[in-house]
Amino acid sequence: MLPGQNSVDAAPSIFDIVQEIKRNFVRLRTIRAEERYFRPLGLSVKDFLENQRSLDNTLVVRLSKYLEDARLGGNAGLQILVAGKDSTGSHIHCIIDPGTSECFDSIGYCSIGSGERHADSALIVNDYHIAQPLNKALYLIYEAKKRAEVAPGVGRMYTDVTIIGDPGITNLTTDQVKELDKVFDKHTEVEGKCRDEMEGLIQGMTILGSKKV
């Protein structure tokens, strides 16, 4: 349960969840700054903020800079996707360090991790949009994940697919994922044949009076 939420309303909105995660980004950075810069001086961040007028001005400037850098500076590379459905509809948010977020409801997808660019490119090429029929959407998302497997760190052995809808949360079975994989294999087979045909056409082109490009 989120802070300030009563037990009667036990299901927070997606927006509330996103805001709480963002607050925790900043909170964690503050804790780390306190451990690294303030505790060795016998101070807590609370002590510093309440008593900085009585501290040495040079120390105040230095610690203020440390605190600001810890809360806002740098990027630890952490990304969090928050996707779900609440009383206002379906939502997708991406939260990044140091605690900022972006909503992707309008385009209907968001990719994170080392394969992000590959997955996004596949979805763009396939003209993925929020009005896709469920089966088509499932396949295009699956294909995007498979395309992303060329990136280091993206697992190839297993792919989990989960649907969040009105009935609740549904995890696709192994056999259902195999159906998606069967379509993908057929797609890549056709692509291979097209590439071979294109290669022949390319080699046969006449440019600047030559058949060799």
N, C-alpha and C. Protein backbone atom coordinates (compact mmCIF):
# COMPACT_ATOMS: atom_id res chain seq x y z
N MET A 1 0.85 -1.19 0.00
CA MET A 1 0.00 0.00 0.00
C MET A 1 0.89 1.25 0.00
N LEU A 2 0.52 2.23 -0.80
CA LEU A 2 1.30 3.45 -0.90
C LEU A 2 1.06 4.35 0.30
N PRO A 3 2.03 5.24 0.63
CA PRO A 3 1.83 6.18 1.74
C PRO A 3 0.56 6.99 1.56
N GLY A 4 -0.22 7.11 2.62
CA GLY A 4 -1.44 7.91 2.58
C GLY A 4 -2.63 7.18 2.00
N GLN A 5 -2.44 5.93 1.60
CA GLN A 5 -3.54 5.17 1.00
C GLN A 5 -4.24 4.36 2.08
N ASN A 6 -5.57 4.40 2.07
CA ASN A 6 -6.29 3.63 3.07
C ASN A 6 -6.59 2.23 2.55
N SER A 7 -6.95 1.33 3.46
CA SER A 7 -7.16 -0.07 3.12
C SER A 7 -8.41 -0.28 2.27
N VAL A 8 -9.33 0.69 2.29
CA VAL A 8 -10.55 0.56 1.50
C VAL A 8 -10.22 0.63 0.01
N ASP A 9 -9.28 1.52 -0.33
CA ASP A 9 -8.87 1.69 -1.72
C ASP A 9 -7.49 1.06 -1.88
N ALA A 10 -7.46 -0.27 -1.99
CA ALA A 10 -6.20 -1.01 -1.97
C ALA A 10 -5.51 -1.06 -3.32
N ALA A 11 -6.13 -0.58 -4.36
CA ALA A 11 -5.53 -0.63 -5.69
C ALA A 11 -5.13 0.78 -6.13
N PRO A 12 -3.85 1.13 -6.02
CA PRO A 12 -3.42 2.48 -6.42
C PRO A 12 -3.46 2.63 -7.93
N SER A 13 -3.55 3.86 -8.40
CA SER A 13 -3.53 4.11 -9.84
C SER A 13 -2.11 3.92 -10.36
N ILE A 14 -1.99 3.70 -11.66
CA ILE A 14 -0.67 3.56 -12.27
C ILE A 14 0.14 4.83 -12.04
N PHE A 15 -0.51 5.97 -12.15
CA PHE A 15 0.17 7.25 -11.93
C PHE A 15 0.75 7.33 -10.52
N ASP A 16 -0.03 6.89 -9.51
CA ASP A 16 0.46 6.93 -8.13
C ASP A 16 1.67 6.02 -7.95
N ILE A 17 1.65 4.86 -8.58
CA ILE A 17 2.78 3.94 -8.49
C ILE A 17 4.02 4.57 -9.10
N VAL A 18 3.85 5.21 -10.25
CA VAL A 18 4.99 5.86 -10.92
C VAL A 18 5.57 6.95 -10.03
N GLN A 19 4.72 7.76 -9.43
CA GLN A 19 5.20 8.84 -8.57
C GLN A 19 5.96 8.30 -7.36
N GLU A 20 5.48 7.21 -6.80
CA GLU A 20 6.15 6.62 -5.63
C GLU A 20 7.53 6.07 -6.01
N ILE A 21 7.63 5.43 -7.16
CA ILE A 21 8.93 4.93 -7.61
C ILE A 21 9.89 6.09 -7.85
N LYS A 22 9.41 7.16 -8.44
CA LYS A 22 10.26 8.33 -8.67
C LYS A 22 10.76 8.92 -7.36
N ARG A 23 9.87 8.99 -6.36
CA ARG A 23 10.29 9.50 -5.04
C ARG A 23 11.36 8.61 -4.44
N ASN A 24 11.25 7.30 -4.66
CA ASN A 24 12.23 6.39 -4.09
C ASN A 24 13.58 6.46 -4.78
N PHE A 25 13.60 6.82 -6.06
CA PHE A 25 14.87 7.08 -6.73
C PHE A 25 15.63 8.17 -5.98
N VAL A 26 14.95 9.29 -5.75
CA VAL A 26 15.57 10.42 -5.07
C VAL A 26 15.93 10.06 -3.63
N ARG A 27 15.02 9.32 -2.97
CA ARG A 27 15.26 8.93 -1.58
C ARG A 27 16.49 8.04 -1.46
N LEU A 28 16.65 7.10 -2.38
CA LEU A 28 17.81 6.20 -2.34
C LEU A 28 19.10 6.96 -2.58
N ARG A 29 19.06 7.90 -3.51
CA ARG A 29 20.26 8.70 -3.77
C ARG A 29 20.63 9.53 -2.54
N THR A 30 19.62 10.04 -1.84
CA THR A 30 19.89 10.83 -0.63
C THR A 30 20.52 9.97 0.45
N ILE A 31 20.02 8.75 0.61
CA ILE A 31 20.57 7.83 1.60
C ILE A 31 22.04 7.52 1.29
N ARG A 32 22.33 7.29 0.02
CA ARG A 32 23.71 6.98 -0.37
C ARG A 32 24.63 8.17 -0.13
N ALA A 33 24.13 9.36 -0.42
CA ALA A 33 24.92 10.57 -0.17
C ALA A 33 25.19 10.74 1.31
N GLU A 34 24.17 10.46 2.12
CA GLU A 34 24.32 10.59 3.57
C GLU A 34 25.39 9.64 4.08
N GLU A 35 25.35 8.39 3.61
CA GLU A 35 26.32 7.39 4.06
C GLU A 35 27.75 7.75 3.64
N ARG A 36 27.86 8.32 2.46
CA ARG A 36 29.20 8.59 1.92
C ARG A 36 29.81 9.90 2.39
N TYR A 37 28.99 10.95 2.48
CA TYR A 37 29.54 12.28 2.73
C TYR A 37 29.20 12.87 4.10
N PHE A 38 28.05 12.52 4.64
CA PHE A 38 27.58 13.17 5.87
C PHE A 38 27.92 12.37 7.13
N ARG A 39 27.71 11.06 7.11
CA ARG A 39 27.98 10.24 8.29
C ARG A 39 29.42 10.34 8.79
N PRO A 40 30.41 10.36 7.87
CA PRO A 40 31.80 10.50 8.37
C PRO A 40 32.04 11.80 9.14
N LEU A 41 31.17 12.79 8.94
CA LEU A 41 31.30 14.06 9.65
C LEU A 41 30.38 14.12 10.88
N GLY A 42 29.71 12.99 11.16
CA GLY A 42 28.82 12.95 12.31
C GLY A 42 27.50 13.65 12.05
N LEU A 43 27.12 13.77 10.78
CA LEU A 43 25.89 14.47 10.42
C LEU A 43 24.95 13.54 9.67
N SER A 44 23.67 13.87 9.73
CA SER A 44 22.68 13.27 8.83
C SER A 44 22.24 14.37 7.88
N VAL A 45 21.58 14.02 6.81
CA VAL A 45 21.08 15.03 5.89
C VAL A 45 20.10 15.95 6.61
N LYS A 46 19.29 15.36 7.48
CA LYS A 46 18.32 16.15 8.25
C LYS A 46 19.05 17.17 9.13
N ASP A 47 20.11 16.70 9.83
CA ASP A 47 20.90 17.62 10.66
C ASP A 47 21.47 18.76 9.83
N PHE A 48 21.99 18.40 8.67
CA PHE A 48 22.62 19.39 7.81
C PHE A 48 21.62 20.45 7.35
N LEU A 49 20.45 19.99 6.89
CA LEU A 49 19.46 20.94 6.38
C LEU A 49 18.91 21.84 7.47
N GLU A 50 18.81 21.32 8.69
CA GLU A 50 18.24 22.11 9.79
C GLU A 50 19.25 23.05 10.42
N ASN A 51 20.55 22.72 10.32
CA ASN A 51 21.55 23.49 11.06
C ASN A 51 22.65 24.09 10.19
N GLN A 52 22.41 24.18 8.88
CA GLN A 52 23.47 24.63 8.01
C GLN A 52 23.90 26.08 8.27
N ARG A 53 23.01 26.88 8.85
CA ARG A 53 23.39 28.27 9.14
C ARG A 53 24.48 28.36 10.19
N SER A 54 24.58 27.34 11.03
CA SER A 54 25.60 27.36 12.09
C SER A 54 26.88 26.65 11.68
N LEU A 55 26.90 26.08 10.48
CA LEU A 55 28.08 25.37 10.00
C LEU A 55 28.97 26.29 9.19
N ASP A 56 30.21 25.85 9.02
CA ASP A 56 31.17 26.61 8.22
C ASP A 56 30.65 26.74 6.80
N ASN A 57 30.74 27.94 6.24
CA ASN A 57 30.17 28.22 4.93
C ASN A 57 30.80 27.36 3.84
N THR A 58 32.10 27.15 3.90
CA THR A 58 32.78 26.32 2.90
C THR A 58 32.25 24.89 2.94
N LEU A 59 32.05 24.38 4.16
CA LEU A 59 31.52 23.02 4.34
C LEU A 59 30.10 22.93 3.80
N VAL A 60 29.31 23.96 4.06
CA VAL A 60 27.92 23.98 3.60
C VAL A 60 27.87 23.92 2.07
N VAL A 61 28.70 24.71 1.42
CA VAL A 61 28.72 24.74 -0.04
C VAL A 61 29.13 23.37 -0.59
N ARG A 62 30.15 22.78 0.03
CA ARG A 62 30.65 21.49 -0.44
C ARG A 62 29.61 20.38 -0.27
N LEU A 63 29.00 20.32 0.92
CA LEU A 63 28.00 19.28 1.17
C LEU A 63 26.73 19.49 0.35
N SER A 64 26.37 20.73 0.12
CA SER A 64 25.20 21.03 -0.72
C SER A 64 25.42 20.53 -2.14
N LYS A 65 26.65 20.71 -2.62
CA LYS A 65 26.99 20.23 -3.97
C LYS A 65 26.93 18.71 -4.02
N TYR A 66 27.46 18.05 -3.00
CA TYR A 66 27.40 16.58 -2.95
C TYR A 66 25.95 16.10 -2.97
N LEU A 67 25.12 16.76 -2.18
CA LEU A 67 23.72 16.35 -2.07
C LEU A 67 22.98 16.56 -3.38
N GLU A 68 23.23 17.69 -4.02
CA GLU A 68 22.58 17.98 -5.30
C GLU A 68 23.01 16.98 -6.37
N ASP A 69 24.31 16.69 -6.41
CA ASP A 69 24.82 15.74 -7.40
C ASP A 69 24.23 14.35 -7.17
N ALA A 70 24.10 13.98 -5.89
CA ALA A 70 23.57 12.66 -5.56
C ALA A 70 22.11 12.54 -5.94
N ARG A 71 21.35 13.61 -5.75
CA ARG A 71 19.91 13.56 -6.03
C ARG A 71 19.60 13.69 -7.51
N LEU A 72 20.40 14.46 -8.23
CA LEU A 72 20.04 14.78 -9.61
C LEU A 72 21.07 14.37 -10.65
N GLY A 73 22.30 14.22 -10.23
CA GLY A 73 23.36 14.01 -11.20
C GLY A 73 23.59 12.55 -11.55
N GLY A 74 24.23 12.35 -12.69
CA GLY A 74 24.64 11.02 -13.08
C GLY A 74 23.48 10.14 -13.51
N ASN A 75 23.83 8.95 -13.91
CA ASN A 75 22.82 7.99 -14.34
C ASN A 75 23.35 6.59 -14.08
N ALA A 76 22.69 5.86 -13.21
CA ALA A 76 23.13 4.51 -12.86
C ALA A 76 22.70 3.48 -13.89
N GLY A 77 21.98 3.92 -14.92
CA GLY A 77 21.57 3.00 -15.96
C GLY A 77 20.32 2.20 -15.63
N LEU A 78 19.69 2.50 -14.52
CA LEU A 78 18.51 1.75 -14.11
C LEU A 78 17.27 2.28 -14.83
N GLN A 79 16.51 1.38 -15.42
CA GLN A 79 15.24 1.73 -16.07
C GLN A 79 14.16 0.81 -15.52
N ILE A 80 12.99 1.37 -15.29
CA ILE A 80 11.86 0.59 -14.78
C ILE A 80 10.64 0.85 -15.65
N LEU A 81 10.02 -0.21 -16.12
CA LEU A 81 8.77 -0.10 -16.86
C LEU A 81 7.61 -0.33 -15.90
N VAL A 82 6.65 0.55 -15.92
CA VAL A 82 5.42 0.37 -15.16
C VAL A 82 4.27 0.31 -16.16
N ALA A 83 3.68 -0.86 -16.27
CA ALA A 83 2.58 -1.05 -17.22
C ALA A 83 1.42 -1.72 -16.51
N GLY A 84 0.23 -1.25 -16.76
CA GLY A 84 -0.92 -1.85 -16.11
C GLY A 84 -2.21 -1.16 -16.49
N LYS A 85 -3.27 -1.60 -15.84
CA LYS A 85 -4.58 -1.06 -16.13
C LYS A 85 -5.24 -0.66 -14.82
N ASP A 86 -5.82 0.55 -14.79
CA ASP A 86 -6.54 1.00 -13.61
C ASP A 86 -7.88 1.57 -14.05
N SER A 87 -8.52 2.33 -13.18
CA SER A 87 -9.85 2.85 -13.48
C SER A 87 -9.87 3.83 -14.64
N THR A 88 -8.69 4.38 -14.99
CA THR A 88 -8.62 5.35 -16.09
C THR A 88 -8.19 4.73 -17.40
N GLY A 89 -7.89 3.44 -17.40
CA GLY A 89 -7.49 2.77 -18.63
C GLY A 89 -6.14 2.09 -18.52
N SER A 90 -5.55 1.79 -19.68
CA SER A 90 -4.25 1.11 -19.74
C SER A 90 -3.13 2.14 -19.87
N HIS A 91 -2.02 1.86 -19.21
CA HIS A 91 -0.92 2.84 -19.17
C HIS A 91 0.43 2.16 -19.24
N ILE A 92 1.38 2.87 -19.86
CA ILE A 92 2.78 2.44 -19.89
C ILE A 92 3.65 3.65 -19.55
N HIS A 93 4.48 3.49 -18.53
CA HIS A 93 5.41 4.55 -18.14
C HIS A 93 6.82 3.96 -18.05
N CYS A 94 7.80 4.76 -18.39
CA CYS A 94 9.19 4.38 -18.21
C CYS A 94 9.84 5.35 -17.23
N ILE A 95 10.47 4.81 -16.22
CA ILE A 95 11.14 5.63 -15.20
C ILE A 95 12.63 5.40 -15.29
N ILE A 96 13.39 6.49 -15.33
CA ILE A 96 14.85 6.38 -15.42
C ILE A 96 15.48 7.19 -14.30
N ASP A 97 16.71 6.82 -14.00
CA ASP A 97 17.51 7.55 -13.03
C ASP A 97 17.77 8.96 -13.56
N PRO A 98 17.67 10.00 -12.75
CA PRO A 98 17.57 10.01 -11.29
C PRO A 98 16.16 10.19 -10.74
N GLY A 99 15.15 9.75 -11.47
CA GLY A 99 13.78 9.86 -10.97
C GLY A 99 12.86 10.63 -11.89
N THR A 100 13.05 10.48 -13.18
CA THR A 100 12.17 11.13 -14.15
C THR A 100 11.39 10.04 -14.89
N SER A 101 10.23 10.42 -15.43
CA SER A 101 9.41 9.42 -16.11
C SER A 101 8.82 10.01 -17.38
N GLU A 102 8.42 9.09 -18.26
CA GLU A 102 7.76 9.48 -19.50
C GLU A 102 6.63 8.50 -19.76
N CYS A 103 5.51 9.03 -20.23
CA CYS A 103 4.33 8.21 -20.51
C CYS A 103 4.32 7.82 -22.00
N PHE A 104 4.05 6.52 -22.27
CA PHE A 104 4.04 6.02 -23.63
C PHE A 104 2.66 5.52 -24.04
N ASP A 105 1.63 6.03 -23.39
CA ASP A 105 0.26 5.58 -23.69
C ASP A 105 -0.12 5.81 -25.15
N SER A 106 0.32 6.92 -25.72
CA SER A 106 -0.12 7.29 -27.07
C SER A 106 0.42 6.35 -28.14
N ILE A 107 1.66 5.84 -27.97
CA ILE A 107 2.21 4.94 -28.98
C ILE A 107 1.99 3.47 -28.62
N GLY A 108 1.74 3.20 -27.34
CA GLY A 108 1.35 1.85 -26.94
C GLY A 108 2.48 0.87 -26.71
N TYR A 109 3.72 1.32 -26.67
CA TYR A 109 4.82 0.42 -26.35
C TYR A 109 6.02 1.20 -25.83
N CYS A 110 6.87 0.49 -25.14
CA CYS A 110 8.13 1.08 -24.66
C CYS A 110 9.11 -0.07 -24.43
N SER A 111 10.33 0.10 -24.87
CA SER A 111 11.36 -0.92 -24.71
C SER A 111 12.47 -0.38 -23.82
N ILE A 112 13.05 -1.25 -23.01
CA ILE A 112 14.18 -0.86 -22.18
C ILE A 112 15.26 -1.93 -22.27
N GLY A 113 16.45 -1.59 -21.83
CA GLY A 113 17.53 -2.56 -21.80
C GLY A 113 18.44 -2.46 -23.01
N SER A 114 19.40 -3.38 -23.09
CA SER A 114 20.39 -3.33 -24.15
C SER A 114 19.80 -3.55 -25.53
N GLY A 115 18.64 -4.22 -25.60
CA GLY A 115 18.01 -4.46 -26.90
C GLY A 115 16.95 -3.45 -27.28
N GLU A 116 16.90 -2.35 -26.54
CA GLU A 116 15.85 -1.35 -26.73
C GLU A 116 15.75 -0.86 -28.17
N ARG A 117 16.86 -0.48 -28.76
CA ARG A 117 16.82 0.09 -30.12
C ARG A 117 16.37 -0.93 -31.14
N HIS A 118 16.82 -2.17 -30.98
CA HIS A 118 16.42 -3.21 -31.92
C HIS A 118 14.92 -3.49 -31.84
N ALA A 119 14.41 -3.56 -30.61
CA ALA A 119 12.98 -3.82 -30.42
C ALA A 119 12.14 -2.66 -30.96
N ASP A 120 12.53 -1.44 -30.64
CA ASP A 120 11.79 -0.28 -31.13
C ASP A 120 11.79 -0.22 -32.66
N SER A 121 12.94 -0.52 -33.26
CA SER A 121 13.03 -0.49 -34.73
C SER A 121 12.07 -1.49 -35.36
N ALA A 122 11.99 -2.69 -34.75
CA ALA A 122 11.08 -3.72 -35.28
C ALA A 122 9.63 -3.27 -35.19
N LEU A 123 9.27 -2.64 -34.09
CA LEU A 123 7.89 -2.18 -33.91
C LEU A 123 7.57 -1.04 -34.87
N ILE A 124 8.53 -0.17 -35.10
CA ILE A 124 8.31 0.94 -36.04
C ILE A 124 8.15 0.43 -37.46
N VAL A 125 9.04 -0.48 -37.87
CA VAL A 125 8.97 -1.04 -39.22
C VAL A 125 7.65 -1.77 -39.46
N ASN A 126 7.16 -2.44 -38.42
CA ASN A 126 5.91 -3.20 -38.53
C ASN A 126 4.67 -2.35 -38.27
N ASP A 127 4.88 -1.04 -38.10
CA ASP A 127 3.76 -0.11 -37.91
C ASP A 127 2.87 -0.53 -36.74
N TYR A 128 3.50 -0.86 -35.62
CA TYR A 128 2.73 -1.24 -34.43
C TYR A 128 1.97 -0.02 -33.90
N HIS A 129 0.70 -0.22 -33.52
CA HIS A 129 -0.09 0.86 -32.94
C HIS A 129 -1.08 0.29 -31.94
N ILE A 130 -1.68 1.16 -31.16
CA ILE A 130 -2.50 0.72 -30.03
C ILE A 130 -3.81 0.07 -30.46
N ALA A 131 -4.18 0.19 -31.73
CA ALA A 131 -5.45 -0.39 -32.18
C ALA A 131 -5.26 -1.77 -32.81
N GLN A 132 -4.07 -2.35 -32.69
CA GLN A 132 -3.83 -3.67 -33.26
C GLN A 132 -4.73 -4.72 -32.60
N PRO A 133 -5.26 -5.69 -33.37
CA PRO A 133 -5.96 -6.83 -32.76
C PRO A 133 -4.98 -7.58 -31.84
N LEU A 134 -5.51 -8.25 -30.85
CA LEU A 134 -4.67 -8.87 -29.83
C LEU A 134 -3.64 -9.84 -30.43
N ASN A 135 -4.08 -10.75 -31.30
CA ASN A 135 -3.15 -11.71 -31.87
C ASN A 135 -2.02 -11.03 -32.62
N LYS A 136 -2.36 -10.00 -33.40
CA LYS A 136 -1.34 -9.27 -34.16
C LYS A 136 -0.39 -8.55 -33.21
N ALA A 137 -0.95 -7.93 -32.17
CA ALA A 137 -0.11 -7.21 -31.20
C ALA A 137 0.85 -8.18 -30.51
N LEU A 138 0.35 -9.35 -30.12
CA LEU A 138 1.19 -10.34 -29.46
C LEU A 138 2.35 -10.76 -30.36
N TYR A 139 2.04 -11.01 -31.63
CA TYR A 139 3.12 -11.44 -32.52
C TYR A 139 4.15 -10.33 -32.73
N LEU A 140 3.69 -9.10 -32.97
CA LEU A 140 4.64 -8.02 -33.23
C LEU A 140 5.53 -7.74 -32.03
N ILE A 141 4.97 -7.84 -30.82
CA ILE A 141 5.79 -7.67 -29.62
C ILE A 141 6.79 -8.81 -29.50
N TYR A 142 6.34 -10.02 -29.80
CA TYR A 142 7.23 -11.18 -29.75
C TYR A 142 8.37 -11.02 -30.76
N GLU A 143 8.01 -10.60 -31.97
CA GLU A 143 9.04 -10.40 -32.99
C GLU A 143 10.04 -9.34 -32.55
N ALA A 144 9.55 -8.27 -31.94
CA ALA A 144 10.45 -7.21 -31.47
C ALA A 144 11.45 -7.76 -30.46
N LYS A 145 10.96 -8.63 -29.57
CA LYS A 145 11.87 -9.23 -28.58
C LYS A 145 12.90 -10.11 -29.27
N LYS A 146 12.47 -10.89 -30.25
CA LYS A 146 13.40 -11.77 -30.96
C LYS A 146 14.44 -10.96 -31.73
N ARG A 147 14.02 -9.85 -32.32
CA ARG A 147 14.98 -8.99 -33.03
C ARG A 147 16.00 -8.40 -32.06
N ALA A 148 15.56 -8.17 -30.83
CA ALA A 148 16.44 -7.56 -29.83
C ALA A 148 17.48 -8.54 -29.30
N GLU A 149 17.33 -9.81 -29.60
CA GLU A 149 18.26 -10.81 -29.07
C GLU A 149 19.65 -10.70 -29.65
N VAL A 150 19.83 -9.91 -30.72
CA VAL A 150 21.17 -9.69 -31.27
C VAL A 150 22.00 -8.81 -30.34
N ALA A 151 21.34 -8.09 -29.43
CA ALA A 151 22.05 -7.20 -28.50
C ALA A 151 22.62 -8.02 -27.34
N PRO A 152 23.79 -7.65 -26.84
CA PRO A 152 24.37 -8.38 -25.71
C PRO A 152 23.52 -8.24 -24.46
N GLY A 153 23.35 -9.34 -23.76
CA GLY A 153 22.61 -9.30 -22.50
C GLY A 153 21.14 -9.65 -22.62
N VAL A 154 20.62 -9.75 -23.85
CA VAL A 154 19.21 -10.13 -24.03
C VAL A 154 19.13 -11.65 -24.11
N GLY A 155 18.37 -12.25 -23.19
CA GLY A 155 18.27 -13.70 -23.14
C GLY A 155 17.58 -14.28 -24.36
N ARG A 156 18.11 -15.39 -24.86
CA ARG A 156 17.56 -16.03 -26.05
C ARG A 156 16.79 -17.31 -25.73
N MET A 157 17.08 -17.91 -24.60
CA MET A 157 16.52 -19.22 -24.31
C MET A 157 15.04 -19.15 -23.97
N TYR A 158 14.63 -18.13 -23.19
CA TYR A 158 13.25 -18.04 -22.73
C TYR A 158 12.64 -16.68 -23.07
N THR A 159 11.36 -16.70 -23.37
CA THR A 159 10.61 -15.46 -23.58
C THR A 159 9.28 -15.59 -22.85
N ASP A 160 9.05 -14.72 -21.88
CA ASP A 160 7.78 -14.71 -21.14
C ASP A 160 6.86 -13.67 -21.76
N VAL A 161 5.60 -14.04 -21.93
CA VAL A 161 4.60 -13.12 -22.50
C VAL A 161 3.42 -13.06 -21.53
N THR A 162 3.08 -11.85 -21.10
CA THR A 162 1.99 -11.64 -20.15
C THR A 162 1.00 -10.64 -20.71
N ILE A 163 -0.27 -10.95 -20.57
CA ILE A 163 -1.34 -10.05 -21.02
C ILE A 163 -2.05 -9.50 -19.79
N ILE A 164 -2.15 -8.17 -19.72
CA ILE A 164 -2.89 -7.51 -18.63
C ILE A 164 -4.18 -6.97 -19.22
N GLY A 165 -5.31 -7.52 -18.81
CA GLY A 165 -6.59 -7.11 -19.38
C GLY A 165 -7.70 -7.12 -18.36
N ASP A 166 -8.92 -7.00 -18.85
CA ASP A 166 -10.08 -6.96 -17.96
C ASP A 166 -10.22 -8.20 -17.08
N PRO A 167 -9.95 -9.41 -17.62
CA PRO A 167 -10.08 -10.59 -16.76
C PRO A 167 -8.99 -10.67 -15.71
N GLY A 168 -7.94 -9.89 -15.87
CA GLY A 168 -6.81 -9.95 -14.95
C GLY A 168 -5.52 -10.15 -15.71
N ILE A 169 -4.59 -10.88 -15.11
CA ILE A 169 -3.28 -11.10 -15.71
C ILE A 169 -3.21 -12.53 -16.24
N THR A 170 -2.81 -12.66 -17.51
CA THR A 170 -2.70 -13.97 -18.15
C THR A 170 -1.28 -14.18 -18.66
N ASN A 171 -0.65 -15.24 -18.23
CA ASN A 171 0.68 -15.60 -18.72
C ASN A 171 0.53 -16.66 -19.80
N LEU A 172 1.10 -16.41 -20.97
CA LEU A 172 1.01 -17.38 -22.04
C LEU A 172 1.75 -18.66 -21.67
N THR A 173 1.18 -19.78 -22.06
CA THR A 173 1.80 -21.07 -21.79
C THR A 173 2.97 -21.29 -22.75
N THR A 174 3.77 -22.31 -22.46
CA THR A 174 4.90 -22.64 -23.33
C THR A 174 4.42 -22.96 -24.74
N ASP A 175 3.31 -23.69 -24.84
CA ASP A 175 2.78 -24.03 -26.16
C ASP A 175 2.30 -22.79 -26.92
N GLN A 176 1.71 -21.84 -26.21
CA GLN A 176 1.25 -20.62 -26.85
C GLN A 176 2.43 -19.79 -27.37
N VAL A 177 3.50 -19.75 -26.58
CA VAL A 177 4.70 -19.02 -27.03
C VAL A 177 5.30 -19.73 -28.24
N LYS A 178 5.22 -21.05 -28.27
CA LYS A 178 5.73 -21.80 -29.42
C LYS A 178 4.96 -21.45 -30.70
N GLU A 179 3.67 -21.15 -30.55
CA GLU A 179 2.88 -20.73 -31.72
C GLU A 179 3.44 -19.43 -32.28
N LEU A 180 3.77 -18.49 -31.40
CA LEU A 180 4.36 -17.23 -31.84
C LEU A 180 5.71 -17.49 -32.51
N ASP A 181 6.47 -18.40 -31.92
CA ASP A 181 7.79 -18.70 -32.46
C ASP A 181 7.69 -19.34 -33.85
N LYS A 182 6.65 -20.14 -34.07
CA LYS A 182 6.44 -20.78 -35.36
C LYS A 182 6.20 -19.73 -36.45
N VAL A 183 5.40 -18.72 -36.11
CA VAL A 183 5.14 -17.64 -37.07
C VAL A 183 6.43 -16.86 -37.34
N PHE A 184 7.20 -16.62 -36.28
CA PHE A 184 8.45 -15.87 -36.45
C PHE A 184 9.43 -16.64 -37.33
N ASP A 185 9.52 -17.96 -37.13
CA ASP A 185 10.42 -18.77 -37.96
C ASP A 185 10.02 -18.70 -39.44
N LYS A 186 8.70 -18.75 -39.68
CA LYS A 186 8.22 -18.66 -41.06
C LYS A 186 8.56 -17.29 -41.65
N HIS A 187 8.42 -16.25 -40.83
CA HIS A 187 8.74 -14.89 -41.27
C HIS A 187 10.20 -14.78 -41.66
N THR A 188 11.08 -15.29 -40.82
CA THR A 188 12.51 -15.20 -41.11
C THR A 188 12.89 -16.05 -42.32
N GLU A 189 12.17 -17.16 -42.52
CA GLU A 189 12.41 -17.99 -43.71
C GLU A 189 12.08 -17.22 -44.99
N VAL A 190 10.94 -16.55 -44.98
CA VAL A 190 10.53 -15.75 -46.14
C VAL A 190 11.50 -14.60 -46.36
N GLU A 191 11.93 -13.98 -45.26
CA GLU A 191 12.91 -12.88 -45.37
C GLU A 191 14.19 -13.36 -46.04
N GLY A 192 14.64 -14.57 -45.68
CA GLY A 192 15.86 -15.11 -46.26
C GLY A 192 15.73 -15.29 -47.76
N LYS A 193 14.58 -15.80 -48.20
CA LYS A 193 14.34 -15.99 -49.63
C LYS A 193 14.31 -14.63 -50.36
N CYS A 194 13.68 -13.65 -49.72
CA CYS A 194 13.63 -12.30 -50.32
C CYS A 194 15.01 -11.70 -50.44
N ARG A 195 15.86 -11.92 -49.43
CA ARG A 195 17.22 -11.38 -49.48
C ARG A 195 18.01 -11.99 -50.63
N ASP A 196 17.84 -13.30 -50.82
CA ASP A 196 18.54 -13.97 -51.91
C ASP A 196 18.07 -13.41 -53.27
N GLU A 197 16.77 -13.21 -53.39
CA GLU A 197 16.23 -12.66 -54.64
C GLU A 197 16.73 -11.25 -54.88
N MET A 198 16.75 -10.46 -53.81
CA MET A 198 17.24 -9.07 -53.92
C MET A 198 18.71 -9.04 -54.29
N GLU A 199 19.48 -9.97 -53.76
CA GLU A 199 20.90 -10.02 -54.08
C GLU A 199 21.11 -10.26 -55.56
N GLY A 200 20.28 -11.15 -56.14
CA GLY A 200 20.38 -11.39 -57.57
C GLY A 200 20.02 -10.16 -58.38
N LEU A 201 18.98 -9.45 -57.96
CA LEU A 201 18.57 -8.23 -58.66
C LEU A 201 19.64 -7.15 -58.55
N ILE A 202 20.25 -7.05 -57.36
CA ILE A 202 21.30 -6.04 -57.15
C ILE A 202 22.50 -6.33 -58.06
N GLN A 203 22.90 -7.60 -58.13
CA GLN A 203 24.04 -7.95 -58.96
C GLN A 203 23.76 -7.72 -60.43
N GLY A 204 22.47 -7.76 -60.82
CA GLY A 204 22.12 -7.57 -62.22
C GLY A 204 21.85 -6.13 -62.61
N MET A 205 21.96 -5.21 -61.67
CA MET A 205 21.70 -3.81 -61.98
C MET A 205 22.77 -3.25 -62.91
N THR A 206 22.37 -2.34 -63.78
CA THR A 206 23.33 -1.65 -64.66
C THR A 206 23.44 -0.20 -64.21
N ILE A 207 24.55 0.09 -63.59
CA ILE A 207 24.82 1.44 -63.10
C ILE A 207 26.12 1.92 -63.69
N LEU A 208 26.09 3.08 -64.31
CA LEU A 208 27.27 3.65 -64.98
C LEU A 208 27.82 2.69 -66.03
N GLY A 209 26.90 1.96 -66.67
CA GLY A 209 27.29 1.09 -67.76
C GLY A 209 27.92 -0.22 -67.32
N SER A 210 27.88 -0.49 -66.03
CA SER A 210 28.49 -1.74 -65.54
C SER A 210 27.45 -2.57 -64.83
N LYS A 211 27.64 -3.89 -64.87
CA LYS A 211 26.74 -4.79 -64.16
C LYS A 211 27.27 -5.10 -62.77
N LYS A 212 28.39 -4.50 -62.43
CA LYS A 212 28.95 -4.73 -61.10
C LYS A 212 28.85 -3.42 -60.32
N VAL A 213 28.30 -3.54 -59.12
CA VAL A 213 28.12 -2.35 -58.29
C VAL A 213 29.30 -2.22 -57.36
